[in-house]
Amino acid sequence: MTTTQDATRPSVDDTGEGVRRRVAVMGGAVSGAAGNAATVAGDAMSRLPVVASGARSALVETNRQIRTGSDEILIVGGALSFGFAMGLLFGGANRLMVAGALLPAASMGLTILERANQGWLERSRQTRE
């Protein structure tokens, strides 16, 4: 046993005037959407300097904390960040997210290497004198 549904469609005015009216309505909708997109983009652009200065101050503070941290904290933090990034990678996360998770590990690792190289350079200077 089958049932049929009798769907009634509204009549469409296929005359030239009806088509022009539909095109005008669609054009108005597209124009309105473009105007909204332009407004949102303008708002985002006006907030960009504030966001950039906030990000810059956060990066400066992070760099200060990394440079003043002890070697042990940097090693543990670098290993933790690296492990988190590898977990994301093996879990199938986006590569950009994995790269973002590797940034703290790289920063901490480079700080440790810089400290180690400074000690090595100071010892090599002392042996020459």
N, C-alpha and C. Protein backbone atom coordinates (compact mmCIF):
# COMPACT_ATOMS: atom_id res chain seq x y z
N MET A 1 0.85 -1.15 0.00
CA MET A 1 0.00 0.00 0.00
C MET A 1 0.90 1.23 0.00
N THR A 2 0.67 2.10 -0.91
CA THR A 2 1.47 3.31 -1.00
C THR A 2 0.59 4.51 -0.76
N THR A 3 1.19 5.49 -0.18
CA THR A 3 0.46 6.74 0.03
C THR A 3 1.10 7.81 -0.83
N THR A 4 0.32 8.64 -1.33
CA THR A 4 0.84 9.73 -2.14
C THR A 4 0.51 11.04 -1.47
N GLN A 5 1.43 11.95 -1.58
CA GLN A 5 1.21 13.27 -1.03
C GLN A 5 1.02 14.23 -2.19
N ASP A 6 0.05 15.00 -2.07
CA ASP A 6 -0.22 15.97 -3.11
C ASP A 6 0.29 17.32 -2.62
N ALA A 7 1.49 17.64 -3.04
CA ALA A 7 2.09 18.91 -2.63
C ALA A 7 1.69 19.99 -3.60
N THR A 8 1.20 21.04 -3.06
CA THR A 8 0.82 22.16 -3.92
C THR A 8 1.94 23.17 -3.91
N ARG A 9 2.33 23.57 -5.05
CA ARG A 9 3.38 24.57 -5.18
C ARG A 9 2.73 25.90 -5.51
N PRO A 10 3.31 26.94 -4.97
CA PRO A 10 2.77 28.25 -5.33
C PRO A 10 3.06 28.52 -6.80
N SER A 11 2.18 29.22 -7.40
CA SER A 11 2.38 29.50 -8.82
C SER A 11 3.51 30.52 -8.97
N VAL A 12 4.33 30.30 -9.97
CA VAL A 12 5.46 31.15 -10.24
C VAL A 12 5.15 32.00 -11.45
N ASP A 13 5.42 33.25 -11.29
CA ASP A 13 5.17 34.18 -12.39
C ASP A 13 6.39 34.15 -13.31
N ASP A 14 6.28 33.45 -14.42
CA ASP A 14 7.38 33.31 -15.37
C ASP A 14 7.40 34.40 -16.42
N THR A 15 6.58 35.37 -16.24
CA THR A 15 6.59 36.46 -17.22
C THR A 15 7.82 37.31 -17.01
N GLY A 16 8.08 38.16 -17.91
CA GLY A 16 9.25 39.04 -17.81
C GLY A 16 9.23 39.89 -16.56
N GLU A 17 8.06 40.38 -16.19
CA GLU A 17 7.94 41.22 -14.99
C GLU A 17 8.22 40.42 -13.73
N GLY A 18 7.74 39.19 -13.65
CA GLY A 18 7.98 38.34 -12.48
C GLY A 18 9.45 38.01 -12.32
N VAL A 19 10.11 37.74 -13.43
CA VAL A 19 11.54 37.43 -13.38
C VAL A 19 12.32 38.66 -12.92
N ARG A 20 11.96 39.83 -13.44
CA ARG A 20 12.66 41.06 -13.04
C ARG A 20 12.47 41.32 -11.54
N ARG A 21 11.27 41.06 -11.04
CA ARG A 21 10.99 41.28 -9.63
C ARG A 21 11.83 40.32 -8.76
N ARG A 22 11.91 39.04 -9.17
CA ARG A 22 12.70 38.08 -8.41
C ARG A 22 14.18 38.44 -8.44
N VAL A 23 14.68 38.88 -9.59
CA VAL A 23 16.08 39.28 -9.70
C VAL A 23 16.35 40.49 -8.81
N ALA A 24 15.42 41.43 -8.76
CA ALA A 24 15.58 42.60 -7.91
C ALA A 24 15.61 42.20 -6.43
N VAL A 25 14.73 41.27 -6.04
CA VAL A 25 14.71 40.81 -4.64
C VAL A 25 16.00 40.10 -4.30
N MET A 26 16.47 39.22 -5.20
CA MET A 26 17.73 38.51 -4.94
C MET A 26 18.90 39.47 -4.92
N GLY A 27 18.89 40.46 -5.80
CA GLY A 27 19.96 41.45 -5.80
C GLY A 27 19.99 42.24 -4.51
N GLY A 28 18.81 42.58 -4.00
CA GLY A 28 18.75 43.29 -2.72
C GLY A 28 19.28 42.44 -1.57
N ALA A 29 18.97 41.15 -1.60
CA ALA A 29 19.47 40.26 -0.55
C ALA A 29 20.98 40.13 -0.60
N VAL A 30 21.51 39.97 -1.80
CA VAL A 30 22.97 39.86 -1.95
C VAL A 30 23.64 41.17 -1.54
N SER A 31 23.06 42.28 -1.91
CA SER A 31 23.61 43.58 -1.55
C SER A 31 23.61 43.76 -0.03
N GLY A 32 22.52 43.35 0.61
CA GLY A 32 22.46 43.43 2.07
C GLY A 32 23.49 42.56 2.74
N ALA A 33 23.69 41.35 2.23
CA ALA A 33 24.70 40.45 2.79
C ALA A 33 26.09 41.02 2.60
N ALA A 34 26.36 41.60 1.44
CA ALA A 34 27.67 42.20 1.20
C ALA A 34 27.89 43.39 2.12
N GLY A 35 26.85 44.17 2.35
CA GLY A 35 26.96 45.30 3.28
C GLY A 35 27.25 44.83 4.70
N ASN A 36 26.57 43.77 5.13
CA ASN A 36 26.84 43.21 6.47
C ASN A 36 28.26 42.69 6.57
N ALA A 37 28.73 42.02 5.54
CA ALA A 37 30.10 41.50 5.55
C ALA A 37 31.11 42.64 5.60
N ALA A 38 30.84 43.71 4.88
CA ALA A 38 31.75 44.86 4.90
C ALA A 38 31.76 45.52 6.28
N THR A 39 30.62 45.59 6.92
CA THR A 39 30.54 46.17 8.26
C THR A 39 31.33 45.34 9.26
N VAL A 40 31.15 44.03 9.20
CA VAL A 40 31.87 43.13 10.12
C VAL A 40 33.37 43.20 9.86
N ALA A 41 33.77 43.23 8.60
CA ALA A 41 35.20 43.33 8.29
C ALA A 41 35.77 44.66 8.77
N GLY A 42 35.02 45.73 8.63
CA GLY A 42 35.47 47.03 9.13
C GLY A 42 35.63 47.03 10.64
N ASP A 43 34.68 46.42 11.34
CA ASP A 43 34.79 46.32 12.80
C ASP A 43 36.02 45.51 13.20
N ALA A 44 36.26 44.42 12.50
CA ALA A 44 37.44 43.58 12.81
C ALA A 44 38.73 44.36 12.54
N MET A 45 38.77 45.11 11.47
CA MET A 45 39.97 45.89 11.16
C MET A 45 40.20 46.99 12.18
N SER A 46 39.13 47.57 12.70
CA SER A 46 39.31 48.62 13.70
C SER A 46 39.81 48.05 15.03
N ARG A 47 39.54 46.79 15.31
CA ARG A 47 40.00 46.15 16.54
C ARG A 47 41.38 45.52 16.39
N LEU A 48 41.87 45.42 15.19
CA LEU A 48 43.15 44.74 14.94
C LEU A 48 44.33 45.35 15.71
N PRO A 49 44.50 46.68 15.76
CA PRO A 49 45.63 47.22 16.53
C PRO A 49 45.57 46.87 18.01
N VAL A 50 44.38 46.86 18.58
CA VAL A 50 44.24 46.52 20.00
C VAL A 50 44.61 45.06 20.22
N VAL A 51 44.15 44.19 19.33
CA VAL A 51 44.47 42.76 19.44
C VAL A 51 45.98 42.54 19.26
N ALA A 52 46.58 43.23 18.30
CA ALA A 52 48.01 43.07 18.05
C ALA A 52 48.83 43.55 19.24
N SER A 53 48.46 44.67 19.84
CA SER A 53 49.23 45.15 21.00
C SER A 53 49.05 44.22 22.19
N GLY A 54 47.85 43.66 22.34
CA GLY A 54 47.64 42.69 23.42
C GLY A 54 48.45 41.42 23.21
N ALA A 55 48.51 40.95 21.97
CA ALA A 55 49.31 39.76 21.67
C ALA A 55 50.78 40.04 21.88
N ARG A 56 51.22 41.23 21.49
CA ARG A 56 52.64 41.59 21.65
C ARG A 56 53.01 41.63 23.14
N SER A 57 52.17 42.24 23.96
CA SER A 57 52.48 42.32 25.39
C SER A 57 52.47 40.92 26.02
N ALA A 58 51.57 40.05 25.56
CA ALA A 58 51.55 38.68 26.08
C ALA A 58 52.82 37.93 25.69
N LEU A 59 53.29 38.12 24.45
CA LEU A 59 54.52 37.45 24.02
C LEU A 59 55.75 37.99 24.77
N VAL A 60 55.78 39.29 25.02
CA VAL A 60 56.91 39.87 25.77
C VAL A 60 56.92 39.31 27.19
N GLU A 61 55.76 39.24 27.82
CA GLU A 61 55.69 38.70 29.18
C GLU A 61 56.07 37.22 29.21
N THR A 62 55.62 36.47 28.22
CA THR A 62 55.97 35.05 28.15
C THR A 62 57.48 34.88 27.97
N ASN A 63 58.07 35.68 27.11
CA ASN A 63 59.51 35.60 26.89
C ASN A 63 60.26 35.96 28.17
N ARG A 64 59.79 36.95 28.91
CA ARG A 64 60.44 37.32 30.16
C ARG A 64 60.37 36.18 31.17
N GLN A 65 59.21 35.53 31.26
CA GLN A 65 59.07 34.43 32.20
C GLN A 65 59.94 33.24 31.81
N ILE A 66 60.04 32.97 30.51
CA ILE A 66 60.88 31.86 30.06
C ILE A 66 62.35 32.15 30.37
N ARG A 67 62.79 33.36 30.12
CA ARG A 67 64.20 33.71 30.34
C ARG A 67 64.56 33.72 31.82
N THR A 68 63.61 34.03 32.70
CA THR A 68 63.91 34.06 34.13
C THR A 68 63.64 32.72 34.81
N GLY A 69 63.07 31.76 34.10
CA GLY A 69 62.77 30.46 34.70
C GLY A 69 64.02 29.62 34.91
N SER A 70 63.92 28.69 35.83
CA SER A 70 65.05 27.81 36.10
C SER A 70 65.18 26.77 34.99
N ASP A 71 66.35 26.17 34.91
CA ASP A 71 66.59 25.17 33.88
C ASP A 71 65.65 23.97 34.02
N GLU A 72 65.40 23.57 35.25
CA GLU A 72 64.53 22.42 35.49
C GLU A 72 63.11 22.68 35.00
N ILE A 73 62.61 23.87 35.31
CA ILE A 73 61.25 24.22 34.87
C ILE A 73 61.18 24.26 33.35
N LEU A 74 62.21 24.79 32.70
CA LEU A 74 62.23 24.86 31.24
C LEU A 74 62.29 23.47 30.62
N ILE A 75 63.05 22.58 31.21
CA ILE A 75 63.15 21.22 30.68
C ILE A 75 61.80 20.50 30.82
N VAL A 76 61.19 20.60 31.99
CA VAL A 76 59.90 19.95 32.21
C VAL A 76 58.83 20.57 31.32
N GLY A 77 58.80 21.89 31.23
CA GLY A 77 57.81 22.57 30.39
C GLY A 77 57.98 22.23 28.92
N GLY A 78 59.24 22.17 28.46
CA GLY A 78 59.51 21.81 27.07
C GLY A 78 59.08 20.38 26.76
N ALA A 79 59.38 19.47 27.69
CA ALA A 79 58.98 18.08 27.49
C ALA A 79 57.46 17.93 27.50
N LEU A 80 56.80 18.66 28.39
CA LEU A 80 55.35 18.60 28.46
C LEU A 80 54.72 19.15 27.17
N SER A 81 55.23 20.27 26.70
CA SER A 81 54.70 20.86 25.46
C SER A 81 54.95 19.94 24.26
N PHE A 82 56.13 19.37 24.22
CA PHE A 82 56.46 18.45 23.12
C PHE A 82 55.54 17.22 23.16
N GLY A 83 55.33 16.68 24.35
CA GLY A 83 54.44 15.53 24.48
C GLY A 83 53.01 15.86 24.09
N PHE A 84 52.55 17.04 24.46
CA PHE A 84 51.21 17.47 24.07
C PHE A 84 51.10 17.58 22.55
N ALA A 85 52.12 18.17 21.92
CA ALA A 85 52.10 18.32 20.46
C ALA A 85 52.13 16.96 19.77
N MET A 86 52.92 16.02 20.27
CA MET A 86 52.97 14.70 19.65
C MET A 86 51.66 13.95 19.85
N GLY A 87 51.02 14.15 20.99
CA GLY A 87 49.70 13.56 21.20
C GLY A 87 48.68 14.10 20.21
N LEU A 88 48.76 15.40 19.96
CA LEU A 88 47.87 15.98 18.95
C LEU A 88 48.16 15.42 17.57
N LEU A 89 49.44 15.29 17.25
CA LEU A 89 49.82 14.78 15.94
C LEU A 89 49.34 13.34 15.74
N PHE A 90 49.61 12.50 16.72
CA PHE A 90 49.20 11.10 16.59
C PHE A 90 47.69 10.94 16.69
N GLY A 91 47.04 11.90 17.34
CA GLY A 91 45.59 11.86 17.44
C GLY A 91 44.87 12.33 16.19
N GLY A 92 45.63 12.85 15.23
CA GLY A 92 45.04 13.28 13.96
C GLY A 92 44.62 14.73 13.93
N ALA A 93 45.21 15.56 14.78
CA ALA A 93 44.84 16.98 14.79
C ALA A 93 45.40 17.69 13.56
N ASN A 94 44.89 18.85 13.32
CA ASN A 94 45.34 19.69 12.22
C ASN A 94 46.82 20.03 12.42
N ARG A 95 47.58 20.09 11.34
CA ARG A 95 49.01 20.36 11.43
C ARG A 95 49.30 21.74 11.99
N LEU A 96 48.43 22.69 11.70
CA LEU A 96 48.62 24.04 12.23
C LEU A 96 48.47 24.03 13.75
N MET A 97 47.56 23.24 14.27
CA MET A 97 47.40 23.13 15.71
C MET A 97 48.62 22.46 16.34
N VAL A 98 49.16 21.46 15.67
CA VAL A 98 50.35 20.78 16.17
C VAL A 98 51.53 21.76 16.18
N ALA A 99 51.67 22.55 15.12
CA ALA A 99 52.75 23.53 15.06
C ALA A 99 52.60 24.56 16.17
N GLY A 100 51.38 24.98 16.44
CA GLY A 100 51.14 25.92 17.53
C GLY A 100 51.48 25.32 18.88
N ALA A 101 51.24 24.04 19.06
CA ALA A 101 51.57 23.38 20.32
C ALA A 101 53.08 23.18 20.46
N LEU A 102 53.80 23.14 19.35
CA LEU A 102 55.25 22.98 19.41
C LEU A 102 55.98 24.29 19.71
N LEU A 103 55.33 25.42 19.54
CA LEU A 103 56.01 26.71 19.76
C LEU A 103 56.56 26.87 21.18
N PRO A 104 55.80 26.58 22.23
CA PRO A 104 56.38 26.71 23.57
C PRO A 104 57.55 25.75 23.79
N ALA A 105 57.46 24.55 23.26
CA ALA A 105 58.56 23.60 23.41
C ALA A 105 59.81 24.11 22.71
N ALA A 106 59.64 24.68 21.53
CA ALA A 106 60.78 25.22 20.80
C ALA A 106 61.39 26.40 21.54
N SER A 107 60.55 27.27 22.07
CA SER A 107 61.05 28.44 22.80
C SER A 107 61.82 28.02 24.05
N MET A 108 61.27 27.08 24.79
CA MET A 108 61.96 26.61 25.99
C MET A 108 63.24 25.87 25.65
N GLY A 109 63.19 25.05 24.62
CA GLY A 109 64.39 24.31 24.21
C GLY A 109 65.49 25.24 23.73
N LEU A 110 65.15 26.25 22.97
CA LEU A 110 66.16 27.20 22.51
C LEU A 110 66.75 28.00 23.66
N THR A 111 65.94 28.32 24.66
CA THR A 111 66.47 29.02 25.83
C THR A 111 67.45 28.14 26.59
N ILE A 112 67.14 26.86 26.73
CA ILE A 112 68.07 25.92 27.39
C ILE A 112 69.37 25.83 26.59
N LEU A 113 69.26 25.71 25.26
CA LEU A 113 70.47 25.64 24.44
C LEU A 113 71.30 26.91 24.53
N GLU A 114 70.63 28.04 24.56
CA GLU A 114 71.35 29.31 24.69
C GLU A 114 72.12 29.38 26.00
N ARG A 115 71.48 28.95 27.08
CA ARG A 115 72.16 28.94 28.38
C ARG A 115 73.34 27.97 28.38
N ALA A 116 73.15 26.83 27.77
CA ALA A 116 74.24 25.85 27.71
C ALA A 116 75.40 26.37 26.88
N ASN A 117 75.12 27.02 25.77
CA ASN A 117 76.18 27.56 24.93
C ASN A 117 76.90 28.72 25.60
N GLN A 118 76.21 29.53 26.38
CA GLN A 118 76.87 30.61 27.10
C GLN A 118 77.86 30.05 28.10
N GLY A 119 77.47 29.01 28.81
CA GLY A 119 78.40 28.39 29.74
C GLY A 119 79.59 27.78 29.03
N TRP A 120 79.35 27.16 27.88
CA TRP A 120 80.43 26.56 27.11
C TRP A 120 81.38 27.64 26.59
N LEU A 121 80.84 28.75 26.12
CA LEU A 121 81.68 29.84 25.62
C LEU A 121 82.49 30.47 26.74
N GLU A 122 81.91 30.61 27.92
CA GLU A 122 82.64 31.18 29.04
C GLU A 122 83.77 30.25 29.48
N ARG A 123 83.54 28.94 29.48
CA ARG A 123 84.60 28.00 29.86
C ARG A 123 85.72 28.00 28.83
N SER A 124 85.36 28.13 27.56
CA SER A 124 86.40 28.12 26.53
C SER A 124 87.22 29.41 26.59
N ARG A 125 86.63 30.51 26.97
CA ARG A 125 87.39 31.76 27.14
C ARG A 125 88.35 31.66 28.31
N GLN A 126 87.92 31.02 29.39
CA GLN A 126 88.78 30.89 30.57
C GLN A 126 89.98 30.01 30.26
N THR A 127 89.87 29.00 29.45
CA THR A 127 91.00 28.13 29.15
C THR A 127 92.01 28.83 28.27
N ARG A 128 91.57 29.78 27.46
CA ARG A 128 92.51 30.53 26.60
C ARG A 128 93.34 31.51 27.41
N GLU A 129 92.77 32.05 28.45
CA GLU A 129 93.50 33.08 29.21
C GLU A 129 94.43 32.54 30.19
